[in-house]
Each structure stands twice: as structure tokens, then as C-alpha cells.
Amino acid sequence: MRARTVFIILFILILLVALGPALLAVISQEIAEKVFGCQVDLNRVIPCVINGKDYGQRFYDLGFLIWYSYLSLPAGGVLLAIWAVAALIAFIVSLRKRKTEQA
């Protein structure tokens, strides 16, 4: 596998770690409100009946994933900084390797 592919995969994984909880919270709220017509509130559980089953508690719990972003965003920032340093080192090594092959 090429180094570029590895760095792209790592970048995508870092974005998922950093933004995952917030994306899940926002997407679940949008699905609940726009698709099923349910109201989502983080102050209390509001019943949301879909096909005879109440999913209000589940949407309430998914809404609270936004609070995990207080941990995941800084962790993602640190991982992104480490990724950037590694990518820079790999790029410099690649350039030097090319120069020595050409000479």
C-alpha cells in the first residue's frame, strides 16, 4: 500500500474520531425531526412513537453524544497534529529519495 493511501485512510479515521459523536447527535436529531416528525429535547425525554414503539429515550440518548465532542475534538486535534508531522516527514523523505535516485 502506498504511503499516500495510508495517510488518507488515517486522516479519515481521525476525522471520524474527532467529529463522530457530534455528527451522530446532529444526524439522529435531524432524522427524528425531519423523517419521523418527532421533537428532540435534551432537557427531557419526549415520546416518539414509530411503528408502535417508543424511540424517545433512544433519540434523547443519541442527542447527548454531543457532549462527548468535548473529549473527541481535542483528541482529534492532537491526532491531527501527529498525523501532520508524520505526513511532513514522509514527504521530506520521499523528496530526498527522489533526488538521490535522479542523481
PDB file of N, CA and C in Angstrom:
ATOM      1  N   MET A   1       0.842  -1.173   0.000  1.00  0.00           N
ATOM      2  CA  MET A   1       0.000   0.000   0.000  1.00  0.00           C
ATOM      3  C   MET A   1       0.889   1.239   0.000  1.00  0.00           C
ATOM      4  N   ARG A   2       0.527   2.201  -0.810  1.00  0.00           N
ATOM      5  CA  ARG A   2       1.314   3.430  -0.899  1.00  0.00           C
ATOM      6  C   ARG A   2       1.137   4.289   0.334  1.00  0.00           C
ATOM      7  N   ALA A   3       2.138   5.090   0.614  1.00  0.00           N
ATOM      8  CA  ALA A   3       2.110   5.956   1.798  1.00  0.00           C
ATOM      9  C   ALA A   3       0.954   6.952   1.708  1.00  0.00           C
ATOM     10  N   ARG A   4       0.683   7.435   0.497  1.00  0.00           N
ATOM     11  CA  ARG A   4      -0.402   8.400   0.326  1.00  0.00           C
ATOM     12  C   ARG A   4      -1.738   7.792   0.736  1.00  0.00           C
ATOM     13  N   THR A   5      -1.967   6.542   0.358  1.00  0.00           N
ATOM     14  CA  THR A   5      -3.213   5.859   0.709  1.00  0.00           C
ATOM     15  C   THR A   5      -3.321   5.687   2.217  1.00  0.00           C
ATOM     16  N   VAL A   6      -2.233   5.322   2.854  1.00  0.00           N
ATOM     17  CA  VAL A   6      -2.224   5.157   4.303  1.00  0.00           C
ATOM     18  C   VAL A   6      -2.551   6.472   4.993  1.00  0.00           C
ATOM     19  N   PHE A   7      -1.952   7.568   4.538  1.00  0.00           N
ATOM     20  CA  PHE A   7      -2.204   8.861   5.153  1.00  0.00           C
ATOM     21  C   PHE A   7      -3.637   9.327   4.925  1.00  0.00           C
ATOM     22  N   ILE A   8      -4.205   9.040   3.784  1.00  0.00           N
ATOM     23  CA  ILE A   8      -5.606   9.409   3.529  1.00  0.00           C
ATOM     24  C   ILE A   8      -6.538   8.618   4.441  1.00  0.00           C
ATOM     25  N   ILE A   9      -6.284   7.321   4.583  1.00  0.00           N
ATOM     26  CA  ILE A   9      -7.118   6.490   5.468  1.00  0.00           C
ATOM     27  C   ILE A   9      -6.996   6.965   6.911  1.00  0.00           C
ATOM     28  N   LEU A  10      -5.783   7.260   7.354  1.00  0.00           N
ATOM     29  CA  LEU A  10      -5.592   7.764   8.714  1.00  0.00           C
ATOM     30  C   LEU A  10      -6.287   9.105   8.924  1.00  0.00           C
ATOM     31  N   PHE A  11      -6.238   9.967   7.928  1.00  0.00           N
ATOM     32  CA  PHE A  11      -6.906  11.271   8.025  1.00  0.00           C
ATOM     33  C   PHE A  11      -8.417  11.095   8.180  1.00  0.00           C
ATOM     34  N   ILE A  12      -8.996  10.197   7.410  1.00  0.00           N
ATOM     35  CA  ILE A  12     -10.435   9.942   7.502  1.00  0.00           C
ATOM     36  C   ILE A  12     -10.788   9.371   8.872  1.00  0.00           C
ATOM     37  N   LEU A  13      -9.970   8.451   9.379  1.00  0.00           N
ATOM     38  CA  LEU A  13     -10.225   7.883  10.703  1.00  0.00           C
ATOM     39  C   LEU A  13     -10.112   8.942  11.805  1.00  0.00           C
ATOM     40  N   ILE A  14      -9.154   9.847  11.684  1.00  0.00           N
ATOM     41  CA  ILE A  14      -9.007  10.924  12.662  1.00  0.00           C
ATOM     42  C   ILE A  14     -10.231  11.827  12.628  1.00  0.00           C
ATOM     43  N   LEU A  15     -10.720  12.145  11.441  1.00  0.00           N
ATOM     44  CA  LEU A  15     -11.934  12.964  11.343  1.00  0.00           C
ATOM     45  C   LEU A  15     -13.129  12.266  11.966  1.00  0.00           C
ATOM     46  N   LEU A  16     -13.232  10.962  11.769  1.00  0.00           N
ATOM     47  CA  LEU A  16     -14.343  10.217  12.374  1.00  0.00           C
ATOM     48  C   LEU A  16     -14.242  10.198  13.898  1.00  0.00           C
ATOM     49  N   VAL A  17     -13.037  10.068  14.425  1.00  0.00           N
ATOM     50  CA  VAL A  17     -12.859  10.092  15.874  1.00  0.00           C
ATOM     51  C   VAL A  17     -13.212  11.471  16.423  1.00  0.00           C
ATOM     52  N   ALA A  18     -12.751  12.514  15.750  1.00  0.00           N
ATOM     53  CA  ALA A  18     -12.959  13.872  16.252  1.00  0.00           C
ATOM     54  C   ALA A  18     -14.412  14.330  16.095  1.00  0.00           C
ATOM     55  N   LEU A  19     -15.001  14.056  14.955  1.00  0.00           N
ATOM     56  CA  LEU A  19     -16.332  14.585  14.663  1.00  0.00           C
ATOM     57  C   LEU A  19     -17.454  13.573  14.829  1.00  0.00           C
ATOM     58  N   GLY A  20     -17.117  12.319  15.085  1.00  0.00           N
ATOM     59  CA  GLY A  20     -18.116  11.261  15.158  1.00  0.00           C
ATOM     60  C   GLY A  20     -19.250  11.500  16.142  1.00  0.00           C
ATOM     61  N   PRO A  21     -18.953  11.785  17.421  1.00  0.00           N
ATOM     62  CA  PRO A  21     -20.050  11.990  18.375  1.00  0.00           C
ATOM     63  C   PRO A  21     -20.969  13.157  17.991  1.00  0.00           C
ATOM     64  N   ALA A  22     -20.384  14.248  17.554  1.00  0.00           N
ATOM     65  CA  ALA A  22     -21.210  15.395  17.168  1.00  0.00           C
ATOM     66  C   ALA A  22     -22.044  15.076  15.930  1.00  0.00           C
ATOM     67  N   LEU A  23     -21.442  14.395  14.960  1.00  0.00           N
ATOM     68  CA  LEU A  23     -22.196  14.033  13.757  1.00  0.00           C
ATOM     69  C   LEU A  23     -23.345  13.090  14.071  1.00  0.00           C
ATOM     70  N   LEU A  24     -23.102  12.100  14.934  1.00  0.00           N
ATOM     71  CA  LEU A  24     -24.168  11.179  15.313  1.00  0.00           C
ATOM     72  C   LEU A  24     -25.309  11.907  16.018  1.00  0.00           C
ATOM     73  N   ALA A  25     -24.970  12.828  16.905  1.00  0.00           N
ATOM     74  CA  ALA A  25     -26.005  13.567  17.629  1.00  0.00           C
ATOM     75  C   ALA A  25     -26.837  14.419  16.683  1.00  0.00           C
ATOM     76  N   VAL A  26     -26.186  15.136  15.799  1.00  0.00           N
ATOM     77  CA  VAL A  26     -26.898  16.021  14.879  1.00  0.00           C
ATOM     78  C   VAL A  26     -27.718  15.216  13.867  1.00  0.00           C
ATOM     79  N   ILE A  27     -27.132  14.163  13.329  1.00  0.00           N
ATOM     80  CA  ILE A  27     -27.845  13.348  12.339  1.00  0.00           C
ATOM     81  C   ILE A  27     -29.049  12.659  12.969  1.00  0.00           C
ATOM     82  N   SER A  28     -28.899  12.129  14.197  1.00  0.00           N
ATOM     83  CA  SER A  28     -30.041  11.471  14.843  1.00  0.00           C
ATOM     84  C   SER A  28     -31.164  12.466  15.120  1.00  0.00           C
ATOM     85  N   GLN A  29     -30.814  13.681  15.512  1.00  0.00           N
ATOM     86  CA  GLN A  29     -31.834  14.688  15.760  1.00  0.00           C
ATOM     87  C   GLN A  29     -32.537  15.075  14.459  1.00  0.00           C
ATOM     88  N   GLU A  30     -31.773  15.234  13.385  1.00  0.00           N
ATOM     89  CA  GLU A  30     -32.381  15.580  12.100  1.00  0.00           C
ATOM     90  C   GLU A  30     -33.303  14.473  11.606  1.00  0.00           C
ATOM     91  N   ILE A  31     -32.881  13.222  11.770  1.00  0.00           N
ATOM     92  CA  ILE A  31     -33.725  12.099  11.352  1.00  0.00           C
ATOM     93  C   ILE A  31     -35.012  12.076  12.173  1.00  0.00           C
ATOM     94  N   ALA A  32     -34.871  12.258  13.481  1.00  0.00           N
ATOM     95  CA  ALA A  32     -36.046  12.235  14.343  1.00  0.00           C
ATOM     96  C   ALA A  32     -37.028  13.347  13.972  1.00  0.00           C
ATOM     97  N   GLU A  33     -36.509  14.538  13.725  1.00  0.00           N
ATOM     98  CA  GLU A  33     -37.384  15.675  13.463  1.00  0.00           C
ATOM     99  C   GLU A  33     -37.926  15.695  12.038  1.00  0.00           C
ATOM    100  N   LYS A  34     -37.053  15.478  11.056  1.00  0.00           N
ATOM    101  CA  LYS A  34     -37.480  15.639   9.663  1.00  0.00           C
ATOM    102  C   LYS A  34     -38.163  14.386   9.100  1.00  0.00           C
ATOM    103  N   VAL A  35     -37.653  13.210   9.439  1.00  0.00           N
ATOM    104  CA  VAL A  35     -38.191  11.982   8.861  1.00  0.00           C
ATOM    105  C   VAL A  35     -39.413  11.499   9.639  1.00  0.00           C
ATOM    106  N   PHE A  36     -39.303  11.488  10.969  1.00  0.00           N
ATOM    107  CA  PHE A  36     -40.368  10.918  11.785  1.00  0.00           C
ATOM    108  C   PHE A  36     -41.267  11.962  12.431  1.00  0.00           C
ATOM    109  N   GLY A  37     -40.925  13.225  12.319  1.00  0.00           N
ATOM    110  CA  GLY A  37     -41.757  14.285  12.875  1.00  0.00           C
ATOM    111  C   GLY A  37     -41.765  14.338  14.392  1.00  0.00           C
ATOM    112  N   CYS A  38     -40.709  13.842  15.013  1.00  0.00           N
ATOM    113  CA  CYS A  38     -40.617  13.836  16.474  1.00  0.00           C
ATOM    114  C   CYS A  38     -39.823  15.044  16.949  1.00  0.00           C
ATOM    115  N   GLN A  39     -40.129  15.468  18.164  1.00  0.00           N
ATOM    116  CA  GLN A  39     -39.388  16.567  18.763  1.00  0.00           C
ATOM    117  C   GLN A  39     -38.303  15.988  19.658  1.00  0.00           C
ATOM    118  N   VAL A  40     -37.105  16.534  19.592  1.00  0.00           N
ATOM    119  CA  VAL A  40     -35.996  16.080  20.429  1.00  0.00           C
ATOM    120  C   VAL A  40     -35.559  17.239  21.306  1.00  0.00           C
ATOM    121  N   ASP A  41     -35.482  16.972  22.602  1.00  0.00           N
ATOM    122  CA  ASP A  41     -35.095  17.983  23.572  1.00  0.00           C
ATOM    123  C   ASP A  41     -34.108  17.340  24.542  1.00  0.00           C
ATOM    124  N   LEU A  42     -33.031  18.028  24.869  1.00  0.00           N
ATOM    125  CA  LEU A  42     -32.043  17.471  25.786  1.00  0.00           C
ATOM    126  C   LEU A  42     -32.400  17.725  27.244  1.00  0.00           C
ATOM    127  N   ASN A  43     -33.506  18.417  27.503  1.00  0.00           N
ATOM    128  CA  ASN A  43     -33.933  18.654  28.876  1.00  0.00           C
ATOM    129  C   ASN A  43     -34.824  17.542  29.406  1.00  0.00           C
ATOM    130  N   ARG A  44     -35.518  16.863  28.512  1.00  0.00           N
ATOM    131  CA  ARG A  44     -36.428  15.797  28.932  1.00  0.00           C
ATOM    132  C   ARG A  44     -36.660  14.859  27.765  1.00  0.00           C
ATOM    133  N   VAL A  45     -37.125  13.654  28.094  1.00  0.00           N
ATOM    134  CA  VAL A  45     -37.457  12.675  27.067  1.00  0.00           C
ATOM    135  C   VAL A  45     -38.859  12.975  26.556  1.00  0.00           C
ATOM    136  N   ILE A  46     -38.979  13.131  25.249  1.00  0.00           N
ATOM    137  CA  ILE A  46     -40.277  13.365  24.618  1.00  0.00           C
ATOM    138  C   ILE A  46     -40.630  12.097  23.842  1.00  0.00           C
ATOM    139  N   PRO A  47     -41.813  11.529  24.087  1.00  0.00           N
ATOM    140  CA  PRO A  47     -42.182  10.300  23.381  1.00  0.00           C
ATOM    141  C   PRO A  47     -42.145  10.479  21.861  1.00  0.00           C
ATOM    142  N   CYS A  48     -41.631   9.466  21.194  1.00  0.00           N
ATOM    143  CA  CYS A  48     -41.565   9.454  19.733  1.00  0.00           C
ATOM    144  C   CYS A  48     -41.947   8.041  19.285  1.00  0.00           C
ATOM    145  N   VAL A  49     -43.191   7.880  18.893  1.00  0.00           N
ATOM    146  CA  VAL A  49     -43.699   6.557  18.550  1.00  0.00           C
ATOM    147  C   VAL A  49     -43.515   6.330  17.050  1.00  0.00           C
ATOM    148  N   ILE A  50     -42.780   5.265  16.726  1.00  0.00           N
ATOM    149  CA  ILE A  50     -42.532   4.871  15.336  1.00  0.00           C
ATOM    150  C   ILE A  50     -42.947   3.414  15.212  1.00  0.00           C
ATOM    151  N   ASN A  51     -43.924   3.146  14.372  1.00  0.00           N
ATOM    152  CA  ASN A  51     -44.459   1.788  14.175  1.00  0.00           C
ATOM    153  C   ASN A  51     -44.857   1.120  15.489  1.00  0.00           C
ATOM    154  N   GLY A  52     -45.472   1.874  16.362  1.00  0.00           N
ATOM    155  CA  GLY A  52     -45.972   1.320  17.611  1.00  0.00           C
ATOM    156  C   GLY A  52     -44.954   1.184  18.719  1.00  0.00           C
ATOM    157  N   LYS A  53     -43.731   1.624  18.515  1.00  0.00           N
ATOM    158  CA  LYS A  53     -42.693   1.520  19.541  1.00  0.00           C
ATOM    159  C   LYS A  53     -42.140   2.912  19.837  1.00  0.00           C
ATOM    160  N   ASP A  54     -41.918   3.185  21.122  1.00  0.00           N
ATOM    161  CA  ASP A  54     -41.425   4.493  21.536  1.00  0.00           C
ATOM    162  C   ASP A  54     -39.901   4.542  21.431  1.00  0.00           C
ATOM    163  N   TYR A  55     -39.397   5.494  20.639  1.00  0.00           N
ATOM    164  CA  TYR A  55     -37.956   5.696  20.466  1.00  0.00           C
ATOM    165  C   TYR A  55     -37.492   7.009  21.081  1.00  0.00           C
ATOM    166  N   GLY A  56     -38.310   7.631  21.913  1.00  0.00           N
ATOM    167  CA  GLY A  56     -37.958   8.913  22.524  1.00  0.00           C
ATOM    168  C   GLY A  56     -36.702   8.849  23.364  1.00  0.00           C
ATOM    169  N   GLN A  57     -36.582   7.794  24.181  1.00  0.00           N
ATOM    170  CA  GLN A  57     -35.398   7.648  25.030  1.00  0.00           C
ATOM    171  C   GLN A  57     -34.139   7.450  24.184  1.00  0.00           C
ATOM    172  N   ARG A  58     -34.257   6.711  23.102  1.00  0.00           N
ATOM    173  CA  ARG A  58     -33.097   6.458  22.242  1.00  0.00           C
ATOM    174  C   ARG A  58     -32.616   7.751  21.580  1.00  0.00           C
ATOM    175  N   PHE A  59     -33.556   8.558  21.071  1.00  0.00           N
ATOM    176  CA  PHE A  59     -33.165   9.830  20.458  1.00  0.00           C
ATOM    177  C   PHE A  59     -32.599  10.790  21.513  1.00  0.00           C
ATOM    178  N   TYR A  60     -33.140  10.732  22.713  1.00  0.00           N
ATOM    179  CA  TYR A  60     -32.619  11.551  23.817  1.00  0.00           C
ATOM    180  C   TYR A  60     -31.172  11.157  24.130  1.00  0.00           C
ATOM    181  N   ASP A  61     -30.911   9.846  24.220  1.00  0.00           N
ATOM    182  CA  ASP A  61     -29.551   9.366  24.496  1.00  0.00           C
ATOM    183  C   ASP A  61     -28.596   9.718  23.364  1.00  0.00           C
ATOM    184  N   LEU A  62     -29.035   9.583  22.126  1.00  0.00           N
ATOM    185  CA  LEU A  62     -28.180   9.942  20.987  1.00  0.00           C
ATOM    186  C   LEU A  62     -27.886  11.435  20.967  1.00  0.00           C
ATOM    187  N   GLY A  63     -28.826  12.243  21.407  1.00  0.00           N
ATOM    188  CA  GLY A  63     -28.596  13.689  21.481  1.00  0.00           C
ATOM    189  C   GLY A  63     -27.492  14.045  22.456  1.00  0.00           C
ATOM    190  N   PHE A  64     -27.342  13.239  23.501  1.00  0.00           N
ATOM    191  CA  PHE A  64     -26.306  13.513  24.489  1.00  0.00           C
ATOM    192  C   PHE A  64     -24.915  13.155  24.000  1.00  0.00           C
ATOM    193  N   LEU A  65     -24.794  12.524  22.854  1.00  0.00           N
ATOM    194  CA  LEU A  65     -23.463  12.250  22.299  1.00  0.00           C
ATOM    195  C   LEU A  65     -22.706  13.534  21.983  1.00  0.00           C
ATOM    196  N   ILE A  66     -23.430  14.634  21.830  1.00  0.00           N
ATOM    197  CA  ILE A  66     -22.772  15.907  21.531  1.00  0.00           C
ATOM    198  C   ILE A  66     -21.792  16.277  22.647  1.00  0.00           C
ATOM    199  N   TRP A  67     -22.060  15.845  23.881  1.00  0.00           N
ATOM    200  CA  TRP A  67     -21.178  16.170  24.992  1.00  0.00           C
ATOM    201  C   TRP A  67     -19.851  15.433  24.901  1.00  0.00           C
ATOM    202  N   TYR A  68     -19.838  14.289  24.218  1.00  0.00           N
ATOM    203  CA  TYR A  68     -18.573  13.572  24.040  1.00  0.00           C
ATOM    204  C   TYR A  68     -17.627  14.311  23.109  1.00  0.00           C
ATOM    205  N   SER A  69     -18.156  15.254  22.349  1.00  0.00           N
ATOM    206  CA  SER A  69     -17.283  16.009  21.453  1.00  0.00           C
ATOM    207  C   SER A  69     -16.329  16.912  22.234  1.00  0.00           C
ATOM    208  N   TYR A  70     -16.635  17.181  23.506  1.00  0.00           N
ATOM    209  CA  TYR A  70     -15.691  17.937  24.336  1.00  0.00           C
ATOM    210  C   TYR A  70     -14.409  17.139  24.569  1.00  0.00           C
ATOM    211  N   LEU A  71     -14.502  15.832  24.454  1.00  0.00           N
ATOM    212  CA  LEU A  71     -13.321  14.986  24.571  1.00  0.00           C
ATOM    213  C   LEU A  71     -12.754  14.608  23.208  1.00  0.00           C
ATOM    214  N   SER A  72     -13.640  14.342  22.260  1.00  0.00           N
ATOM    215  CA  SER A  72     -13.179  13.834  20.973  1.00  0.00           C
ATOM    216  C   SER A  72     -12.546  14.922  20.097  1.00  0.00           C
ATOM    217  N   LEU A  73     -13.009  16.148  20.188  1.00  0.00           N
ATOM    218  CA  LEU A  73     -12.413  17.211  19.366  1.00  0.00           C
ATOM    219  C   LEU A  73     -10.961  17.507  19.760  1.00  0.00           C
ATOM    220  N   PRO A  74     -10.641  17.680  21.043  1.00  0.00           N
ATOM    221  CA  PRO A  74      -9.221  17.868  21.391  1.00  0.00           C
ATOM    222  C   PRO A  74      -8.364  16.644  21.060  1.00  0.00           C
ATOM    223  N   ALA A  75      -8.911  15.448  21.297  1.00  0.00           N
ATOM    224  CA  ALA A  75      -8.158  14.239  20.950  1.00  0.00           C
ATOM    225  C   ALA A  75      -7.910  14.183  19.451  1.00  0.00           C
ATOM    226  N   GLY A  76      -8.918  14.541  18.666  1.00  0.00           N
ATOM    227  CA  GLY A  76      -8.748  14.582  17.217  1.00  0.00           C
ATOM    228  C   GLY A  76      -7.743  15.631  16.790  1.00  0.00           C
ATOM    229  N   GLY A  77      -7.701  16.754  17.491  1.00  0.00           N
ATOM    230  CA  GLY A  77      -6.712  17.794  17.189  1.00  0.00           C
ATOM    231  C   GLY A  77      -5.290  17.310  17.434  1.00  0.00           C
ATOM    232  N   VAL A  78      -5.097  16.605  18.536  1.00  0.00           N
ATOM    233  CA  VAL A  78      -3.770  16.055  18.838  1.00  0.00           C
ATOM    234  C   VAL A  78      -3.383  15.016  17.790  1.00  0.00           C
ATOM    235  N   LEU A  79      -4.326  14.114  17.471  1.00  0.00           N
ATOM    236  CA  LEU A  79      -4.053  13.103  16.445  1.00  0.00           C
ATOM    237  C   LEU A  79      -3.765  13.743  15.094  1.00  0.00           C
ATOM    238  N   LEU A  80      -4.476  14.818  14.783  1.00  0.00           N
ATOM    239  CA  LEU A  80      -4.250  15.505  13.507  1.00  0.00           C
ATOM    240  C   LEU A  80      -2.869  16.161  13.472  1.00  0.00           C
ATOM    241  N   ALA A  81      -2.426  16.706  14.601  1.00  0.00           N
ATOM    242  CA  ALA A  81      -1.085  17.303  14.657  1.00  0.00           C
ATOM    243  C   ALA A  81      -0.018  16.226  14.470  1.00  0.00           C
ATOM    244  N   ILE A  82      -0.198  15.083  15.125  1.00  0.00           N
ATOM    245  CA  ILE A  82       0.752  13.976  14.956  1.00  0.00           C
ATOM    246  C   ILE A  82       0.743  13.496  13.517  1.00  0.00           C
ATOM    247  N   TRP A  83      -0.453  13.404  12.918  1.00  0.00           N
ATOM    248  CA  TRP A  83      -0.586  12.980  11.525  1.00  0.00           C
ATOM    249  C   TRP A  83       0.140  13.963  10.604  1.00  0.00           C
ATOM    250  N   ALA A  84      -0.012  15.267  10.857  1.00  0.00           N
ATOM    251  CA  ALA A  84       0.623  16.279  10.005  1.00  0.00           C
ATOM    252  C   ALA A  84       2.142  16.186  10.082  1.00  0.00           C
ATOM    253  N   VAL A  85       2.686  15.960  11.260  1.00  0.00           N
ATOM    254  CA  VAL A  85       4.140  15.824  11.415  1.00  0.00           C
ATOM    255  C   VAL A  85       4.624  14.576  10.671  1.00  0.00           C
ATOM    256  N   ALA A  86       3.902  13.473  10.836  1.00  0.00           N
ATOM    257  CA  ALA A  86       4.285  12.231  10.150  1.00  0.00           C
ATOM    258  C   ALA A  86       4.194  12.399   8.632  1.00  0.00           C
ATOM    259  N   ALA A  87       3.147  13.080   8.164  1.00  0.00           N
ATOM    260  CA  ALA A  87       2.994  13.308   6.727  1.00  0.00           C
ATOM    261  C   ALA A  87       4.118  14.193   6.196  1.00  0.00           C
ATOM    262  N   LEU A  88       4.492  15.203   6.955  1.00  0.00           N
ATOM    263  CA  LEU A  88       5.592  16.083   6.545  1.00  0.00           C
ATOM    264  C   LEU A  88       6.907  15.311   6.479  1.00  0.00           C
ATOM    265  N   ILE A  89       7.161  14.481   7.474  1.00  0.00           N
ATOM    266  CA  ILE A  89       8.386  13.674   7.478  1.00  0.00           C
ATOM    267  C   ILE A  89       8.390  12.722   6.286  1.00  0.00           C
ATOM    268  N   ALA A  90       7.269  12.073   6.020  1.00  0.00           N
ATOM    269  CA  ALA A  90       7.183  11.152   4.885  1.00  0.00           C
ATOM    270  C   ALA A  90       7.390  11.892   3.566  1.00  0.00           C
ATOM    271  N   PHE A  91       6.857  13.105   3.473  1.00  0.00           N
ATOM    272  CA  PHE A  91       7.025  13.898   2.255  1.00  0.00           C
ATOM    273  C   PHE A  91       8.483  14.290   2.051  1.00  0.00           C
ATOM    274  N   ILE A  92       9.146  14.706   3.110  1.00  0.00           N
ATOM    275  CA  ILE A  92      10.553  15.099   3.010  1.00  0.00           C
ATOM    276  C   ILE A  92      11.416  13.894   2.648  1.00  0.00           C
ATOM    277  N   VAL A  93      11.159  12.762   3.270  1.00  0.00           N
ATOM    278  CA  VAL A  93      11.915  11.542   2.947  1.00  0.00           C
ATOM    279  C   VAL A  93      11.681  11.158   1.490  1.00  0.00           C
ATOM    280  N   SER A  94      10.463  11.284   1.016  1.00  0.00           N
ATOM    281  CA  SER A  94      10.149  10.958  -0.372  1.00  0.00           C
ATOM    282  C   SER A  94      10.887  11.885  -1.343  1.00  0.00           C
ATOM    283  N   LEU A  95      10.932  13.162  -1.028  1.00  0.00           N
ATOM    284  CA  LEU A  95      11.654  14.115  -1.887  1.00  0.00           C
ATOM    285  C   LEU A  95      13.144  13.808  -1.920  1.00  0.00           C
ATOM    286  N   ARG A  96      13.728  13.530  -0.786  1.00  0.00           N
ATOM    287  CA  ARG A  96      15.167  13.215  -0.751  1.00  0.00           C
ATOM    288  C   ARG A  96      15.470  11.921  -1.480  1.00  0.00           C
ATOM    289  N   LYS A  97      14.546  10.963  -1.368  1.00  0.00           N
ATOM    290  CA  LYS A  97      14.745   9.693  -2.051  1.00  0.00           C
ATOM    291  C   LYS A  97      14.707   9.903  -3.569  1.00  0.00           C
ATOM    292  N   ARG A  98      13.796  10.739  -4.021  1.00  0.00           N
ATOM    293  CA  ARG A  98      13.716  11.043  -5.455  1.00  0.00           C
ATOM    294  C   ARG A  98      14.970  11.743  -5.954  1.00  0.00           C
ATOM    295  N   LYS A  99      15.486  12.682  -5.155  1.00  0.00           N
ATOM    296  CA  LYS A  99      16.688  13.408  -5.560  1.00  0.00           C
ATOM    297  C   LYS A  99      17.901  12.485  -5.663  1.00  0.00           C
ATOM    298  N   THR A 100      18.009  11.549  -4.753  1.00  0.00           N
ATOM    299  CA  THR A 100      19.144  10.623  -4.806  1.00  0.00           C
ATOM    300  C   THR A 100      19.007   9.628  -5.956  1.00  0.00           C
ATOM    301  N   GLU A 101      17.778   9.273  -6.319  1.00  0.00           N
ATOM    302  CA  GLU A 101      17.566   8.361  -7.459  1.00  0.00           C
ATOM    303  C   GLU A 101      17.863   9.053  -8.785  1.00  0.00           C
ATOM    304  N   GLN A 102      17.572  10.354  -8.853  1.00  0.00           N
ATOM    305  CA  GLN A 102      17.811  11.103 -10.092  1.00  0.00           C
ATOM    306  C   GLN A 102      19.288  11.387 -10.295  1.00  0.00           C
ATOM    307  N   ALA A 103      20.032  11.521  -9.238  1.00  0.00           N
ATOM    308  CA  ALA A 103      21.461  11.873  -9.375  1.00  0.00           C
ATOM    309  C   ALA A 103      22.322  10.686  -9.693  1.00  0.00           C
TER     310      ALA A 103
END
